[in-house]
C-alpha atoms as a PDB file:
ATOM      1  CA  MET A   1      32.273  40.596 -40.213  1.00  0.00           C
ATOM      2  CA  ILE A   2      32.005  43.589 -42.053  1.00  0.00           C
ATOM      3  CA  GLN A   3      32.814  45.898 -39.003  1.00  0.00           C
ATOM      4  CA  LYS A   4      35.539  43.698 -38.238  1.00  0.00           C
ATOM      5  CA  ALA A   5      37.309  44.476 -41.032  1.00  0.00           C
ATOM      6  CA  LEU A   6      37.097  48.025 -41.228  1.00  0.00           C
ATOM      7  CA  ILE A   7      38.424  47.996 -37.806  1.00  0.00           C
ATOM      8  CA  LEU A   8      41.186  45.726 -38.444  1.00  0.00           C
ATOM      9  CA  SER A   9      41.864  48.286 -41.338  1.00  0.00           C
ATOM     10  CA  PHE A  10      42.498  50.423 -39.066  1.00  0.00           C
ATOM     11  CA  LEU A  11      44.404  48.819 -36.444  1.00  0.00           C
ATOM     12  CA  PHE A  12      46.807  47.752 -39.176  1.00  0.00           C
ATOM     13  CA  GLY A  13      46.995  50.690 -41.353  1.00  0.00           C
ATOM     14  CA  LEU A  14      49.906  51.462 -38.623  1.00  0.00           C
ATOM     15  CA  ASN A  15      51.610  48.698 -40.232  1.00  0.00           C
ATOM     16  CA  SER A  16      52.406  51.709 -43.143  1.00  0.00           C
ATOM     17  CA  LEU A  17      54.488  53.406 -40.813  1.00  0.00           C
ATOM     18  CA  PHE A  18      56.952  50.453 -40.951  1.00  0.00           C
ATOM     19  CA  SER A  19      56.229  49.415 -44.263  1.00  0.00           C
ATOM     20  CA  GLN A  20      56.904  51.169 -47.660  1.00  0.00           C
ATOM     21  CA  GLY A  21      55.310  49.187 -49.884  1.00  0.00           C
ATOM     22  CA  GLY A  22      56.373  45.822 -51.232  1.00  0.00           C
ATOM     23  CA  TYR A  23      55.735  43.289 -54.458  1.00  0.00           C
ATOM     24  CA  VAL A  24      53.329  40.885 -54.394  1.00  0.00           C
ATOM     25  CA  TYR A  25      53.428  37.864 -57.262  1.00  0.00           C
ATOM     26  CA  TYR A  26      49.667  36.401 -58.640  1.00  0.00           C
ATOM     27  CA  GLU A  27      49.115  33.364 -60.613  1.00  0.00           C
ATOM     28  CA  GLY A  28      46.421  33.480 -62.955  1.00  0.00           C
ATOM     29  CA  ILE A  29      44.498  30.531 -63.543  1.00  0.00           C
ATOM     30  CA  SER A  30      42.103  29.293 -66.109  1.00  0.00           C
ATOM     31  CA  LYS A  31      38.156  28.616 -65.298  1.00  0.00           C
ATOM     32  CA  LYS A  32      37.645  25.052 -66.111  1.00  0.00           C
ATOM     33  CA  TYR A  33      35.296  23.650 -68.774  1.00  0.00           C
ATOM     34  CA  SER A  34      32.621  20.883 -68.583  1.00  0.00           C
ATOM     35  CA  GLU A  35      33.335  17.770 -70.668  1.00  0.00           C
ATOM     36  CA  THR A  36      30.985  17.387 -73.059  1.00  0.00           C
ATOM     37  CA  ALA A  37      30.695  15.539 -76.560  1.00  0.00           C
ATOM     38  CA  GLU A  38      32.490  19.105 -78.034  1.00  0.00           C
ATOM     39  CA  ASN A  39      35.188  19.921 -75.786  1.00  0.00           C
ATOM     40  CA  LYS A  40      35.946  16.108 -74.286  1.00  0.00           C
ATOM     41  CA  VAL A  41      38.917  15.675 -77.445  1.00  0.00           C
ATOM     42  CA  ASN A  42      39.561  19.733 -77.661  1.00  0.00           C
ATOM     43  CA  GLU A  43      43.400  19.935 -76.858  1.00  0.00           C
ATOM     44  CA  TYR A  44      43.315  23.393 -77.124  1.00  0.00           C
ATOM     45  CA  LEU A  45      40.874  23.460 -74.079  1.00  0.00           C
ATOM     46  CA  VAL A  46      43.659  20.865 -72.147  1.00  0.00           C
ATOM     47  CA  GLN A  47      46.364  23.359 -72.489  1.00  0.00           C
ATOM     48  CA  LEU A  48      44.243  26.490 -71.864  1.00  0.00           C
ATOM     49  CA  GLU A  49      43.136  24.864 -68.552  1.00  0.00           C
ATOM     50  CA  LYS A  50      47.101  23.878 -67.839  1.00  0.00           C
ATOM     51  CA  ALA A  51      47.980  27.448 -68.774  1.00  0.00           C
ATOM     52  CA  LYS A  52      50.377  29.441 -66.457  1.00  0.00           C
ATOM     53  CA  VAL A  53      51.215  33.145 -66.497  1.00  0.00           C
ATOM     54  CA  VAL A  54      52.758  35.149 -63.586  1.00  0.00           C
ATOM     55  CA  PHE A  55      51.974  38.633 -62.538  1.00  0.00           C
ATOM     56  CA  GLU A  56      53.403  41.313 -60.312  1.00  0.00           C
ATOM     57  CA  LEU A  57      52.072  44.031 -58.396  1.00  0.00           C
ATOM     58  CA  LYS A  58      54.929  46.594 -57.698  1.00  0.00           C
ATOM     59  CA  PHE A  59      53.374  49.050 -55.061  1.00  0.00           C
ATOM     60  CA  ASN A  60      54.305  51.514 -52.304  1.00  0.00           C
ATOM     61  CA  ASN A  61      51.892  53.652 -50.222  1.00  0.00           C
ATOM     62  CA  GLN A  62      50.774  55.716 -52.950  1.00  0.00           C
ATOM     63  CA  THR A  63      51.643  54.310 -56.507  1.00  0.00           C
ATOM     64  CA  SER A  64      51.235  50.936 -57.774  1.00  0.00           C
ATOM     65  CA  PHE A  65      52.256  49.221 -61.259  1.00  0.00           C
ATOM     66  CA  PHE A  66      51.209  46.280 -62.321  1.00  0.00           C
ATOM     67  CA  LEU A  67      52.521  44.280 -64.733  1.00  0.00           C
ATOM     68  CA  LYS A  68      53.681  40.239 -66.269  1.00  0.00           C
ATOM     69  CA  SER A  69      56.263  38.393 -65.154  1.00  0.00           C
ATOM     70  CA  ASN A  70      57.825  36.404 -67.803  1.00  0.00           C
ATOM     71  CA  LEU A  71      58.204  32.289 -67.527  1.00  0.00           C
ATOM     72  CA  ASN A  72      59.477  31.857 -70.496  1.00  0.00           C
ATOM     73  CA  ASN A  73      62.372  33.171 -72.861  1.00  0.00           C
ATOM     74  CA  ASP A  74      60.925  36.565 -74.783  1.00  0.00           C
ATOM     75  CA  SER A  75      61.422  34.296 -77.865  1.00  0.00           C
ATOM     76  CA  ASP A  76      59.461  31.510 -77.096  1.00  0.00           C
ATOM     77  CA  TYR A  77      55.050  32.561 -77.777  1.00  0.00           C
ATOM     78  CA  ASN A  78      52.594  30.267 -76.073  1.00  0.00           C
ATOM     79  CA  LEU A  79      48.935  30.665 -77.181  1.00  0.00           C
ATOM     80  CA  ALA A  80      47.523  29.186 -74.123  1.00  0.00           C
ATOM     81  CA  GLU A  81      49.104  31.618 -72.291  1.00  0.00           C
ATOM     82  CA  GLU A  82      48.127  34.534 -74.545  1.00  0.00           C
ATOM     83  CA  THR A  83      44.795  33.578 -74.841  1.00  0.00           C
ATOM     84  CA  LEU A  84      44.595  33.581 -70.940  1.00  0.00           C
ATOM     85  CA  LEU A  85      46.106  37.253 -70.948  1.00  0.00           C
ATOM     86  CA  ILE A  86      43.471  38.300 -72.902  1.00  0.00           C
ATOM     87  CA  MET A  87      40.456  36.722 -70.870  1.00  0.00           C
ATOM     88  CA  PHE A  88      41.848  38.521 -68.248  1.00  0.00           C
ATOM     89  CA  GLY A  89      41.755  41.762 -70.539  1.00  0.00           C
ATOM     90  CA  PHE A  90      45.627  41.820 -68.855  1.00  0.00           C
ATOM     91  CA  GLU A  91      47.290  45.121 -69.513  1.00  0.00           C
ATOM     92  CA  GLU A  92      50.251  46.895 -67.659  1.00  0.00           C
ATOM     93  CA  LEU A  93      48.610  49.115 -65.668  1.00  0.00           C
ATOM     94  CA  TYR A  94      50.011  52.379 -62.908  1.00  0.00           C
ATOM     95  CA  PHE A  95      47.635  53.196 -60.171  1.00  0.00           C
ATOM     96  CA  LYS A  96      47.840  56.359 -57.974  1.00  0.00           C
ATOM     97  CA  LEU A  97      45.696  56.256 -55.142  1.00  0.00           C
ATOM     98  CA  ASN A  98      45.060  60.024 -54.344  1.00  0.00           C
ATOM     99  CA  GLU A  99      43.534  60.370 -57.385  1.00  0.00           C
ATOM    100  CA  ARG A 100      41.927  57.145 -58.078  1.00  0.00           C
ATOM    101  CA  SER A 101      43.460  57.223 -61.570  1.00  0.00           C
ATOM    102  CA  LEU A 102      44.789  54.270 -63.753  1.00  0.00           C
ATOM    103  CA  TYR A 103      47.470  54.958 -66.579  1.00  0.00           C
ATOM    104  CA  LYS A 104      48.148  52.634 -69.451  1.00  0.00           C
ATOM    105  CA  ASP A 105      51.440  53.401 -71.367  1.00  0.00           C
ATOM    106  CA  TYR A 106      50.339  53.970 -75.374  1.00  0.00           C
ATOM    107  CA  GLY A 107      54.126  54.838 -76.649  1.00  0.00           C
ATOM    108  CA  GLU A 108      53.677  58.531 -77.392  1.00  0.00           C
ATOM    109  CA  PHE A 109      51.467  59.235 -74.601  1.00  0.00           C
ATOM    110  CA  LEU A 110      49.666  57.482 -71.584  1.00  0.00           C
ATOM    111  CA  ILE A 111      45.717  57.280 -71.296  1.00  0.00           C
ATOM    112  CA  LYS A 112      44.353  58.002 -67.996  1.00  0.00           C
ATOM    113  CA  THR A 113      40.883  56.507 -66.867  1.00  0.00           C
ATOM    114  CA  PRO A 114      39.228  56.781 -63.668  1.00  0.00           C
ATOM    115  CA  SER A 115      39.045  54.284 -61.341  1.00  0.00           C
ATOM    116  CA  ASN A 116      36.008  53.691 -58.933  1.00  0.00           C
ATOM    117  CA  HIS A 117      34.482  50.804 -58.043  1.00  0.00           C
ATOM    118  CA  ASN A 118      31.255  49.976 -55.662  1.00  0.00           C
ATOM    119  CA  TRP A 119      32.603  47.717 -54.104  1.00  0.00           C
ATOM    120  CA  ASN A 120      29.941  45.583 -51.680  1.00  0.00           C
ATOM    121  CA  ILE A 121      31.789  44.224 -48.662  1.00  0.00           C
ATOM    122  CA  LEU A 122      30.444  40.656 -47.611  1.00  0.00           C
ATOM    123  CA  ASN A 123      29.997  38.307 -44.539  1.00  0.00           C
ATOM    124  CA  GLU A 124      32.435  35.902 -45.699  1.00  0.00           C
ATOM    125  CA  SER A 125      36.028  35.662 -45.040  1.00  0.00           C
ATOM    126  CA  LYS A 126      38.908  32.757 -45.922  1.00  0.00           C
ATOM    127  CA  LYS A 127      42.557  32.803 -45.253  1.00  0.00           C
ATOM    128  CA  ILE A 128      45.547  33.265 -47.967  1.00  0.00           C
ATOM    129  CA  ASP A 129      48.805  32.945 -47.632  1.00  0.00           C
ATOM    130  CA  ASN A 130      48.458  32.720 -43.925  1.00  0.00           C
ATOM    131  CA  TYR A 131      46.736  36.518 -44.098  1.00  0.00           C
ATOM    132  CA  LEU A 132      42.748  36.564 -42.988  1.00  0.00           C
ATOM    133  CA  CYS A 133      40.967  37.888 -46.250  1.00  0.00           C
ATOM    134  CA  TYR A 134      37.314  39.100 -46.484  1.00  0.00           C
ATOM    135  CA  LYS A 135      35.318  38.756 -49.676  1.00  0.00           C
ATOM    136  CA  ALA A 136      34.189  41.854 -51.940  1.00  0.00           C
ATOM    137  CA  THR A 137      32.111  42.510 -55.568  1.00  0.00           C
ATOM    138  CA  CYS A 138      31.733  44.462 -57.984  1.00  0.00           C
ATOM    139  CA  THR A 139      30.001  44.851 -60.924  1.00  0.00           C
ATOM    140  CA  GLU A 140      31.706  45.988 -64.313  1.00  0.00           C
ATOM    141  CA  SER A 141      29.636  46.198 -67.653  1.00  0.00           C
ATOM    142  CA  TYR A 142      31.665  44.860 -71.278  1.00  0.00           C
ATOM    143  CA  ALA A 143      30.550  44.737 -74.805  1.00  0.00           C
ATOM    144  CA  ALA A 144      29.247  40.900 -75.322  1.00  0.00           C
ATOM    145  CA  ARG A 145      30.280  39.179 -78.504  1.00  0.00           C
ATOM    146  CA  ASP A 146      26.364  39.779 -80.044  1.00  0.00           C
ATOM    147  CA  GLY A 147      27.337  43.555 -79.462  1.00  0.00           C
ATOM    148  CA  LYS A 148      24.571  44.088 -76.735  1.00  0.00           C
ATOM    149  CA  THR A 149      26.203  45.436 -73.033  1.00  0.00           C
ATOM    150  CA  LYS A 150      25.495  43.387 -70.765  1.00  0.00           C
ATOM    151  CA  GLU A 151      26.869  43.336 -66.134  1.00  0.00           C
ATOM    152  CA  ARG A 152      29.910  40.495 -64.452  1.00  0.00           C
ATOM    153  CA  VAL A 153      30.369  40.281 -60.904  1.00  0.00           C
ATOM    154  CA  ILE A 154      33.649  40.781 -59.794  1.00  0.00           C
ATOM    155  CA  THR A 155      34.899  38.400 -56.878  1.00  0.00           C
ATOM    156  CA  ALA A 156      37.984  40.152 -54.822  1.00  0.00           C
ATOM    157  CA  TRP A 157      39.239  38.636 -51.614  1.00  0.00           C
ATOM    158  CA  PHE A 158      40.787  41.792 -49.920  1.00  0.00           C
ATOM    159  CA  CYS A 159      43.403  41.628 -46.703  1.00  0.00           C
ATOM    160  CA  PRO A 160      42.995  44.494 -44.153  1.00  0.00           C
ATOM    161  CA  GLU A 161      46.336  43.294 -42.444  1.00  0.00           C
ATOM    162  CA  LEU A 162      47.897  44.467 -45.608  1.00  0.00           C
ATOM    163  CA  PRO A 163      46.879  47.993 -45.324  1.00  0.00           C
ATOM    164  CA  TYR A 164      47.248  48.981 -49.225  1.00  0.00           C
ATOM    165  CA  SER A 165      44.174  49.599 -51.297  1.00  0.00           C
ATOM    166  CA  PHE A 166      46.055  48.248 -54.631  1.00  0.00           C
ATOM    167  CA  GLY A 167      45.025  44.866 -56.315  1.00  0.00           C
ATOM    168  CA  PRO A 168      45.490  43.003 -59.577  1.00  0.00           C
ATOM    169  CA  LEU A 169      44.167  43.633 -63.235  1.00  0.00           C
ATOM    170  CA  GLU A 170      42.771  47.752 -63.033  1.00  0.00           C
ATOM    171  CA  PHE A 171      40.848  46.619 -59.552  1.00  0.00           C
ATOM    172  CA  ASN A 172      41.667  48.358 -56.142  1.00  0.00           C
ATOM    173  CA  GLY A 173      40.324  50.604 -53.719  1.00  0.00           C
ATOM    174  CA  LEU A 174      38.966  48.017 -50.805  1.00  0.00           C
ATOM    175  CA  PRO A 175      40.592  48.723 -47.274  1.00  0.00           C
ATOM    176  CA  GLY A 176      43.201  46.432 -47.792  1.00  0.00           C
ATOM    177  CA  LEU A 177      45.411  44.374 -50.627  1.00  0.00           C
ATOM    178  CA  ILE A 178      43.292  41.780 -52.971  1.00  0.00           C
ATOM    179  CA  LEU A 179      45.386  38.747 -53.121  1.00  0.00           C
ATOM    180  CA  GLU A 180      42.587  36.709 -55.204  1.00  0.00           C
ATOM    181  CA  LEU A 181      40.366  37.975 -57.658  1.00  0.00           C
ATOM    182  CA  GLU A 182      37.874  36.609 -60.418  1.00  0.00           C
ATOM    183  CA  LYS A 183      36.753  37.821 -63.462  1.00  0.00           C
ATOM    184  CA  ASN A 184      34.575  35.156 -65.485  1.00  0.00           C
ATOM    185  CA  GLY A 185      35.658  32.310 -63.913  1.00  0.00           C
ATOM    186  CA  ASN A 186      39.458  32.895 -64.276  1.00  0.00           C
ATOM    187  CA  LYS A 187      41.205  33.653 -61.147  1.00  0.00           C
ATOM    188  CA  VAL A 188      43.963  35.421 -59.902  1.00  0.00           C
ATOM    189  CA  VAL A 189      45.249  34.185 -56.788  1.00  0.00           C
ATOM    190  CA  ALA A 190      48.744  35.636 -54.985  1.00  0.00           C
ATOM    191  CA  LYS A 191      50.927  32.805 -54.369  1.00  0.00           C
ATOM    192  CA  SER A 192      54.110  35.348 -52.812  1.00  0.00           C
ATOM    193  CA  ILE A 193      53.573  38.884 -50.642  1.00  0.00           C
ATOM    194  CA  VAL A 194      56.824  40.754 -50.252  1.00  0.00           C
ATOM    195  CA  LEU A 195      57.244  43.741 -47.852  1.00  0.00           C
ATOM    196  CA  SER A 196      59.558  46.338 -47.527  1.00  0.00           C
ATOM    197  CA  LYS A 197      60.528  48.880 -44.888  1.00  0.00           C
ATOM    198  CA  LYS A 198      62.435  50.550 -47.713  1.00  0.00           C
ATOM    199  CA  GLU A 199      60.113  53.412 -50.129  1.00  0.00           C
ATOM    200  CA  ILE A 200      59.306  51.080 -53.637  1.00  0.00           C
ATOM    201  CA  GLU A 201      60.048  53.956 -56.382  1.00  0.00           C
ATOM    202  CA  ILE A 202      57.518  53.612 -59.573  1.00  0.00           C
ATOM    203  CA  LYS A 203      58.352  55.676 -61.509  1.00  0.00           C
ATOM    204  CA  ILE A 204      55.022  56.602 -63.895  1.00  0.00           C
ATOM    205  CA  PRO A 205      56.494  57.136 -67.274  1.00  0.00           C
ATOM    206  CA  ASN A 206      56.772  61.256 -67.858  1.00  0.00           C
ATOM    207  CA  LYS A 207      54.230  61.836 -71.247  1.00  0.00           C
ATOM    208  CA  LYS A 208      51.998  63.393 -72.645  1.00  0.00           C
ATOM    209  CA  THR A 209      48.373  62.168 -70.483  1.00  0.00           C
ATOM    210  CA  ILE A 210      44.792  62.102 -72.201  1.00  0.00           C
ATOM    211  CA  THR A 211      41.711  60.457 -71.824  1.00  0.00           C
ATOM    212  CA  LYS A 212      40.220  57.515 -72.940  1.00  0.00           C
ATOM    213  CA  GLU A 213      37.902  59.796 -75.149  1.00  0.00           C
ATOM    214  CA  GLN A 214      40.404  61.869 -76.400  1.00  0.00           C
ATOM    215  CA  TYR A 215      42.279  58.434 -77.427  1.00  0.00           C
ATOM    216  CA  ASP A 216      38.653  57.473 -79.017  1.00  0.00           C
ATOM    217  CA  LYS A 217      38.998  60.519 -80.925  1.00  0.00           C
ATOM    218  CA  LYS A 218      42.589  60.832 -82.386  1.00  0.00           C
ATOM    219  CA  ILE A 219      41.587  56.710 -83.871  1.00  0.00           C
ATOM    220  CA  LYS A 220      38.728  58.123 -85.537  1.00  0.00           C
ATOM    221  CA  GLU A 221      40.314  60.905 -87.195  1.00  0.00           C
ATOM    222  CA  ASN A 222      43.684  58.585 -88.019  1.00  0.00           C
ATOM    223  CA  TYR A 223      41.645  56.036 -89.236  1.00  0.00           C
ATOM    224  CA  GLN A 224      38.904  55.678 -92.216  1.00  0.00           C
ATOM    225  CA  PHE A 225      35.607  53.450 -90.935  1.00  0.00           C
END
C-alpha cells in the first residue's frame, strides 16, 4: 500500500500541469463524549457535540491559506463553536511549500515557524468523497493542564490523486492533499473540493517577519510577570 501511494503520487503529479490549485472546504467535528453521571445532563457538552465549524483551504502549487468560513452573522456568538475552534488550536495560517514554513498574521508583523512533520505512512486506505486516501500519523508535543509536556498522535488521510502537499490547520507535507485529520478525537473532514485550471492567487501580507522566539522575547520585554 505504501509503495502504491508513492507511485500514485508520482503519476497523478502530472495533474499539476493542468490544475493550478483550488479550494477545500472542511467541516470541523467535535469528538463524542461518553455518557457519565456527571455529563449526562450537561447541556453544554450536548451543544459542543452539535457545534459545526467550516474551514477553507485555498491553495496553488506553492502556497496555501487556511481560514475559517463564517456560518453565522458576524454579530452572532456561539460559545460551543468558539470552544471547538480552541480545541482544534485554530489560527489563520499561510504555508509556503518551498520553505516548509508557516506564517501567522499577528497584526503589525508575521510570525514564521518551521513546518516539518515526521509522517509515518501506514498500510490503510479508504475513500473520502470518492477519492482514495491513505493513512498517515505523526506525533506532536503539547503543554498539558498539569504543566507537563506530553505527546499526542495526529492521524491524517491524504489523497495522492490530488498532488498538493497541503492540509488543514498546521498540518501538511504529505504526497497529496489531506482530506481528513483527527486531533484529540476531534476531526476535520473535507466536504467539498474545487479544483481550478486558473492560477489561484494567494498573497501573504507584506509585513515584518519574525520568529516565534523573537515574538516570545518581545512579549517578555513588554510585559511584567
